[in-house]
C-alpha atoms as a PDB file:
ATOM      1  CA  MET A   1       1.903 -25.910  31.587  1.00  0.00           C
ATOM      2  CA  ASP A   2      -0.602 -23.434  33.052  1.00  0.00           C
ATOM      3  CA  GLU A   3       0.782 -23.719  36.563  1.00  0.00           C
ATOM      4  CA  LYS A   4       0.832 -20.336  38.323  1.00  0.00           C
ATOM      5  CA  VAL A   5       4.215 -19.464  39.771  1.00  0.00           C
ATOM      6  CA  PRO A   6       4.692 -16.577  42.235  1.00  0.00           C
ATOM      7  CA  GLY A   7       6.308 -13.467  40.787  1.00  0.00           C
ATOM      8  CA  LYS A   8       5.738 -11.257  37.809  1.00  0.00           C
ATOM      9  CA  VAL A   9       6.911 -10.836  34.252  1.00  0.00           C
ATOM     10  CA  THR A  10       7.749  -7.375  32.975  1.00  0.00           C
ATOM     11  CA  VAL A  11       8.432  -6.361  29.395  1.00  0.00           C
ATOM     12  CA  ALA A  12      10.829  -3.442  28.918  1.00  0.00           C
ATOM     13  CA  SER A  13       9.452  -0.595  26.836  1.00  0.00           C
ATOM     14  CA  GLY A  14      12.400  -0.936  24.461  1.00  0.00           C
ATOM     15  CA  VAL A  15      11.230  -4.466  23.681  1.00  0.00           C
ATOM     16  CA  LEU A  16       7.793  -3.144  22.734  1.00  0.00           C
ATOM     17  CA  VAL A  17       9.390  -0.535  20.454  1.00  0.00           C
ATOM     18  CA  THR A  18      11.478  -3.244  18.763  1.00  0.00           C
ATOM     19  CA  ILE A  19       8.447  -5.492  18.188  1.00  0.00           C
ATOM     20  CA  VAL A  20       6.521  -2.593  16.645  1.00  0.00           C
ATOM     21  CA  GLN A  21       9.423  -1.420  14.469  1.00  0.00           C
ATOM     22  CA  LEU A  22      10.279  -4.850  13.090  1.00  0.00           C
ATOM     23  CA  THR A  23       6.659  -5.727  12.393  1.00  0.00           C
ATOM     24  CA  THR A  24       6.000  -2.420  10.639  1.00  0.00           C
ATOM     25  CA  GLN A  25       9.162  -2.547   8.537  1.00  0.00           C
ATOM     26  CA  GLU A  26       8.245  -6.003   7.192  1.00  0.00           C
ATOM     27  CA  ILE A  27       4.970  -4.750   5.687  1.00  0.00           C
ATOM     28  CA  SER A  28       5.054  -4.135   1.949  1.00  0.00           C
ATOM     29  CA  GLY A  29       4.432  -0.472   1.163  1.00  0.00           C
ATOM     30  CA  VAL A  30       6.290   0.895   4.179  1.00  0.00           C
ATOM     31  CA  HIS A  31       9.411   2.630   2.896  1.00  0.00           C
ATOM     32  CA  GLU A  32      10.825   3.370   6.334  1.00  0.00           C
ATOM     33  CA  MET A  33      10.083   4.510   9.845  1.00  0.00           C
ATOM     34  CA  CYS A  34      10.720   8.206  10.317  1.00  0.00           C
ATOM     35  CA  ALA A  35      11.183  10.797  13.058  1.00  0.00           C
ATOM     36  CA  ALA A  36      14.883  10.121  13.641  1.00  0.00           C
ATOM     37  CA  TRP A  37      14.814  13.216  15.883  1.00  0.00           C
ATOM     38  CA  THR A  38      13.128  11.084  18.548  1.00  0.00           C
ATOM     39  CA  ARG A  39      16.544   9.768  19.580  1.00  0.00           C
ATOM     40  CA  ASP A  40      17.567  13.260  20.690  1.00  0.00           C
ATOM     41  CA  VAL A  41      14.200  13.886  22.344  1.00  0.00           C
ATOM     42  CA  ASN A  42      14.523  10.493  24.041  1.00  0.00           C
ATOM     43  CA  ARG A  43      17.910  11.413  25.507  1.00  0.00           C
ATOM     44  CA  PHE A  44      16.712  14.869  26.577  1.00  0.00           C
ATOM     45  CA  LEU A  45      13.547  13.614  28.281  1.00  0.00           C
ATOM     46  CA  GLY A  46      14.980  10.325  29.478  1.00  0.00           C
ATOM     47  CA  ASP A  47      11.917   8.573  28.015  1.00  0.00           C
ATOM     48  CA  GLU A  48      12.776   5.035  26.917  1.00  0.00           C
ATOM     49  CA  ARG A  49       9.371   4.497  25.362  1.00  0.00           C
ATOM     50  CA  ILE A  50      10.262   6.455  22.228  1.00  0.00           C
ATOM     51  CA  GLY A  51      12.148   4.881  19.338  1.00  0.00           C
ATOM     52  CA  ASP A  52      12.644   5.891  15.739  1.00  0.00           C
ATOM     53  CA  GLY A  53       9.158   6.302  14.344  1.00  0.00           C
ATOM     54  CA  VAL A  54       7.438   4.793  17.384  1.00  0.00           C
ATOM     55  CA  GLU A  55       5.891   6.224  20.522  1.00  0.00           C
ATOM     56  CA  ILE A  56       4.338   3.858  23.063  1.00  0.00           C
ATOM     57  CA  ARG A  57       2.234   4.671  26.103  1.00  0.00           C
ATOM     58  CA  VAL A  58       1.412   1.929  28.598  1.00  0.00           C
ATOM     59  CA  ASP A  59      -1.499   2.342  31.013  1.00  0.00           C
ATOM     60  CA  LYS A  60      -1.870  -0.706  33.252  1.00  0.00           C
ATOM     61  CA  ASP A  61      -1.960  -3.567  30.723  1.00  0.00           C
ATOM     62  CA  GLU A  62      -3.160  -1.495  27.747  1.00  0.00           C
ATOM     63  CA  ILE A  63      -0.828  -0.124  25.088  1.00  0.00           C
ATOM     64  CA  THR A  64      -1.366   2.878  22.821  1.00  0.00           C
ATOM     65  CA  ILE A  65       1.026   3.087  19.879  1.00  0.00           C
ATOM     66  CA  ASP A  66       1.787   5.991  17.553  1.00  0.00           C
ATOM     67  CA  LEU A  67       3.714   5.118  14.382  1.00  0.00           C
ATOM     68  CA  TYR A  68       5.376   7.660  12.092  1.00  0.00           C
ATOM     69  CA  ILE A  69       6.149   6.269   8.660  1.00  0.00           C
ATOM     70  CA  ILE A  70       7.144   7.090   5.115  1.00  0.00           C
ATOM     71  CA  VAL A  71       5.178   5.098   2.538  1.00  0.00           C
ATOM     72  CA  GLU A  72       5.918   4.003  -1.015  1.00  0.00           C
ATOM     73  CA  HIS A  73       4.250   6.094  -3.709  1.00  0.00           C
ATOM     74  CA  ASP A  74       2.246   3.264  -5.259  1.00  0.00           C
ATOM     75  CA  VAL A  75       0.176   2.061  -2.282  1.00  0.00           C
ATOM     76  CA  SER A  76      -3.248   2.833  -0.896  1.00  0.00           C
ATOM     77  CA  MET A  77      -2.432   4.718   2.271  1.00  0.00           C
ATOM     78  CA  LEU A  78      -5.731   3.809   3.926  1.00  0.00           C
ATOM     79  CA  GLN A  79      -5.315   0.078   3.233  1.00  0.00           C
ATOM     80  CA  LEU A  80      -1.672   0.195   4.299  1.00  0.00           C
ATOM     81  CA  GLY A  81      -2.569   1.976   7.541  1.00  0.00           C
ATOM     82  CA  ARG A  82      -5.208  -0.619   8.366  1.00  0.00           C
ATOM     83  CA  ARG A  83      -2.825  -3.480   7.574  1.00  0.00           C
ATOM     84  CA  ILE A  84      -0.181  -1.935   9.826  1.00  0.00           C
ATOM     85  CA  GLN A  85      -2.728  -1.608  12.648  1.00  0.00           C
ATOM     86  CA  ALA A  86      -3.778  -5.252  12.303  1.00  0.00           C
ATOM     87  CA  GLU A  87      -0.256  -6.689  12.013  1.00  0.00           C
ATOM     88  CA  VAL A  88       1.235  -4.631  14.834  1.00  0.00           C
ATOM     89  CA  ALA A  89      -1.687  -5.394  17.167  1.00  0.00           C
ATOM     90  CA  ARG A  90      -1.374  -9.110  16.413  1.00  0.00           C
ATOM     91  CA  ALA A  91       2.391  -9.135  17.016  1.00  0.00           C
ATOM     92  CA  VAL A  92       2.239  -7.163  20.274  1.00  0.00           C
ATOM     93  CA  GLU A  93      -0.675  -9.172  21.677  1.00  0.00           C
ATOM     94  CA  GLU A  94       0.863 -12.538  20.710  1.00  0.00           C
ATOM     95  CA  MET A  95       4.300 -11.722  22.103  1.00  0.00           C
ATOM     96  CA  THR A  96       3.318  -9.858  25.280  1.00  0.00           C
ATOM     97  CA  SER A  97      -0.284 -10.879  26.066  1.00  0.00           C
ATOM     98  CA  MET A  98      -0.985  -7.166  26.605  1.00  0.00           C
ATOM     99  CA  ASP A  99      -4.062  -5.507  25.104  1.00  0.00           C
ATOM    100  CA  VAL A 100      -3.559  -2.922  22.387  1.00  0.00           C
ATOM    101  CA  LYS A 101      -5.896  -0.005  23.067  1.00  0.00           C
ATOM    102  CA  ALA A 102      -5.091   1.973  19.884  1.00  0.00           C
ATOM    103  CA  ILE A 103      -2.602   2.150  17.037  1.00  0.00           C
ATOM    104  CA  ASN A 104      -2.360   5.547  15.377  1.00  0.00           C
ATOM    105  CA  VAL A 105      -0.547   5.524  12.037  1.00  0.00           C
ATOM    106  CA  HIS A 106       0.895   8.892  11.002  1.00  0.00           C
ATOM    107  CA  ILE A 107       1.974   9.027   7.355  1.00  0.00           C
ATOM    108  CA  GLU A 108       4.666  11.680   7.369  1.00  0.00           C
ATOM    109  CA  ASP A 109       5.815  11.490   3.749  1.00  0.00           C
ATOM    110  CA  VAL A 110       5.641   9.576   0.474  1.00  0.00           C
ATOM    111  CA  HIS A 111       8.769   8.126  -1.108  1.00  0.00           C
ATOM    112  CA  TYR A 112       9.098   8.571  -4.850  1.00  0.00           C
ATOM    113  CA  PRO A 113      12.001   6.870  -6.624  1.00  0.00           C
ATOM    114  CA  PRO A 114      14.491   9.218  -8.272  1.00  0.00           C
ATOM    115  CA  ALA A 115      13.576  10.136 -11.831  1.00  0.00           C
ATOM    116  CA  GLN A 116      15.307   7.976 -14.404  1.00  0.00           C
ATOM    117  CA  LEU A 117      17.625   9.911 -16.687  1.00  0.00           C
ATOM    118  CA  SER A 118      17.260   9.115 -20.377  1.00  0.00           C
END
């Protein structure tokens, strides 16, 4: 059904943040999203485009995404970063039909499991 109907479809920025967060968190090697402080910054600035570990800028129909993550200690950070870029771009483009201009992955920390006591 490719029939054109008058009107427009808008995607709330919070929806974009959710898509990015859920996609990123499902990738093996990602321990967690970080930058919990963005909630406070979000409230202060009134900027809905920031979510935990995610910053999104939309210019016309192009999206630029910055991700802030903590990775597991036993992964290749370069390969993980590239996989995140590919998976997030695919998810955003499939779900919104918007073009992803760039995905910047910021590895903020490495998670090491607690040392085992003997």
